[in-house]
Amino acid sequence: QVQLVESGGGLVQPGGSLTLSCAASGTIFSIDVMGWYRQAPVKQRELVATANSGGSTNYADSVKGRFTISRDNAKNTVYLQMNSLKPQDTAVYYCNADLIRRSGYRLNYWGQGTQVTVSS
């Protein structure tokens, strides 16, 4: 069974930095897109950043210039470096990945989420 496990969340002051990690474990043939989403209280889940297997990245306008997504494909791990954090970045952050079977069949997985709180 494949699992995505996030770590690195916590409490940080405005303007501070935090790095999130998401490691995929289990039987994995290959991983296409990996990304981060977030959901604040009473808000819908929104895309934060994605990175495909070729290294191209995409960011929500609200985090461009502040967040950086990166991958270590050998470790099946994706990271989110968050700088210049703002209170509005407070949310549960979820890892997401498209895993590819040997046959080419695509499956989408979600992590359990990690809380990021930006407050003084």
Protein backbone atom coordinates (compact mmCIF):
# COMPACT_ATOMS: atom_id res chain seq x y z
CA GLN A 1 0.00 0.00 0.00
CA VAL A 2 1.32 3.43 -0.96
CA GLN A 3 1.42 6.20 1.62
CA LEU A 4 2.37 9.86 1.48
CA VAL A 5 3.60 11.16 4.83
CA GLU A 6 4.12 14.87 5.45
CA SER A 7 6.34 16.37 8.10
CA GLY A 8 7.83 19.72 9.08
CA GLY A 9 4.75 21.69 10.03
CA GLY A 10 4.58 23.82 13.13
CA LEU A 11 4.34 27.33 14.53
CA VAL A 12 6.40 30.11 12.99
CA GLN A 13 6.42 33.90 13.31
CA PRO A 14 5.43 36.15 10.41
CA GLY A 15 8.39 36.63 8.10
CA GLY A 16 9.89 33.33 9.18
CA SER A 17 10.64 30.19 7.22
CA LEU A 18 9.58 26.58 7.33
CA THR A 19 10.31 23.52 5.20
CA LEU A 20 7.79 20.75 4.62
CA SER A 21 8.68 17.25 3.47
CA CYS A 22 6.55 14.53 1.93
CA ALA A 23 7.88 11.01 1.47
CA ALA A 24 6.11 8.38 -0.60
CA SER A 25 6.49 4.81 0.61
CA GLY A 26 5.27 1.41 -0.50
CA THR A 27 5.28 -0.24 -3.89
CA ILE A 28 6.12 2.54 -6.33
CA PHE A 29 6.90 2.16 -10.00
CA SER A 30 7.20 5.82 -10.87
CA ILE A 31 5.83 9.18 -9.80
CA ASP A 32 4.72 11.85 -12.23
CA VAL A 33 3.46 15.09 -10.71
CA MET A 34 3.97 15.82 -7.02
CA GLY A 35 2.54 18.86 -5.34
CA TRP A 36 1.34 20.68 -2.29
CA TYR A 37 -2.16 21.88 -1.48
CA ARG A 38 -3.45 23.70 1.57
CA GLN A 39 -6.76 24.21 3.31
CA ALA A 40 -7.50 26.91 5.86
CA PRO A 41 -10.54 26.83 8.18
CA VAL A 42 -13.83 27.42 6.34
CA LYS A 43 -11.98 27.62 3.02
CA GLN A 44 -11.65 25.24 0.10
CA ARG A 45 -8.49 23.32 -0.53
CA GLU A 46 -6.24 25.20 -2.94
CA LEU A 47 -3.19 24.35 -4.99
CA VAL A 48 0.08 25.75 -3.66
CA ALA A 49 2.75 24.34 -5.96
CA THR A 50 3.46 21.38 -8.23
CA ALA A 51 6.56 19.80 -9.73
CA ASN A 52 6.57 17.25 -12.51
CA SER A 53 9.12 14.49 -12.98
CA GLY A 54 11.01 16.56 -15.53
CA GLY A 55 11.59 19.37 -13.06
CA SER A 56 9.11 21.98 -14.25
CA THR A 57 7.23 23.76 -11.48
CA ASN A 58 4.04 25.72 -11.05
CA TYR A 59 3.01 28.03 -8.21
CA ALA A 60 -0.09 29.75 -7.01
CA ASP A 61 0.16 33.51 -7.46
CA SER A 62 -0.14 34.00 -3.71
CA VAL A 63 3.13 32.15 -3.01
CA LYS A 64 5.27 33.03 -6.04
CA GLY A 65 8.62 34.39 -4.99
CA ARG A 66 8.23 33.09 -1.44
CA PHE A 67 7.80 29.31 -1.74
CA THR A 68 10.01 26.82 -3.56
CA ILE A 69 9.02 23.27 -4.42
CA SER A 70 11.71 20.67 -5.05
CA ARG A 71 12.00 16.91 -5.43
CA ASP A 72 14.44 14.17 -4.62
CA ASN A 73 13.28 11.50 -7.06
CA ALA A 74 15.69 8.89 -5.70
CA LYS A 75 13.98 9.21 -2.30
CA ASN A 76 10.44 9.69 -3.69
CA THR A 77 10.27 12.87 -1.66
CA VAL A 78 8.97 16.35 -2.36
CA TYR A 79 9.78 19.46 -0.33
CA LEU A 80 8.22 22.86 0.11
CA GLN A 81 10.53 25.62 1.30
CA MET A 82 8.40 28.46 2.63
CA ASN A 83 9.95 31.87 3.22
CA SER A 84 8.53 35.24 4.23
CA LEU A 85 5.56 33.50 5.77
CA LYS A 86 2.38 35.46 6.35
CA PRO A 87 -0.56 34.80 8.70
CA GLN A 88 -2.71 34.04 5.65
CA ASP A 89 -0.41 31.09 4.91
CA THR A 90 -1.83 29.38 7.99
CA ALA A 91 -3.46 26.13 6.87
CA VAL A 92 -3.21 22.39 6.82
CA TYR A 93 -0.80 21.51 4.02
CA TYR A 94 -1.38 18.32 2.05
CA CYS A 95 0.99 16.43 -0.18
CA ASN A 96 -0.38 15.02 -3.44
CA ALA A 97 1.16 12.73 -6.02
CA ASP A 98 0.27 10.94 -9.23
CA LEU A 99 1.82 7.48 -9.18
CA ILE A 100 2.23 5.48 -12.38
CA ARG A 101 1.92 1.70 -12.49
CA ARG A 102 4.04 -0.47 -14.76
CA SER A 103 1.10 -0.64 -17.14
CA GLY A 104 0.92 3.14 -17.32
CA TYR A 105 -2.21 3.36 -15.19
CA ARG A 106 -2.27 6.51 -13.05
CA LEU A 107 -3.34 6.68 -9.39
CA ASN A 108 -3.63 9.80 -7.27
CA TYR A 109 -2.70 9.85 -3.57
CA TRP A 110 -3.03 12.32 -0.72
CA GLY A 111 -1.05 12.68 2.48
CA GLN A 112 -2.68 13.12 5.88
CA GLY A 113 -1.78 16.80 6.16
CA THR A 114 0.51 18.84 8.39
CA GLN A 115 -0.49 22.01 10.22
CA VAL A 116 1.35 25.26 9.51
CA THR A 117 0.52 28.18 11.78
CA VAL A 118 1.99 31.64 11.15
CA SER A 119 1.44 33.85 14.18
CA SER A 120 3.29 36.13 16.56
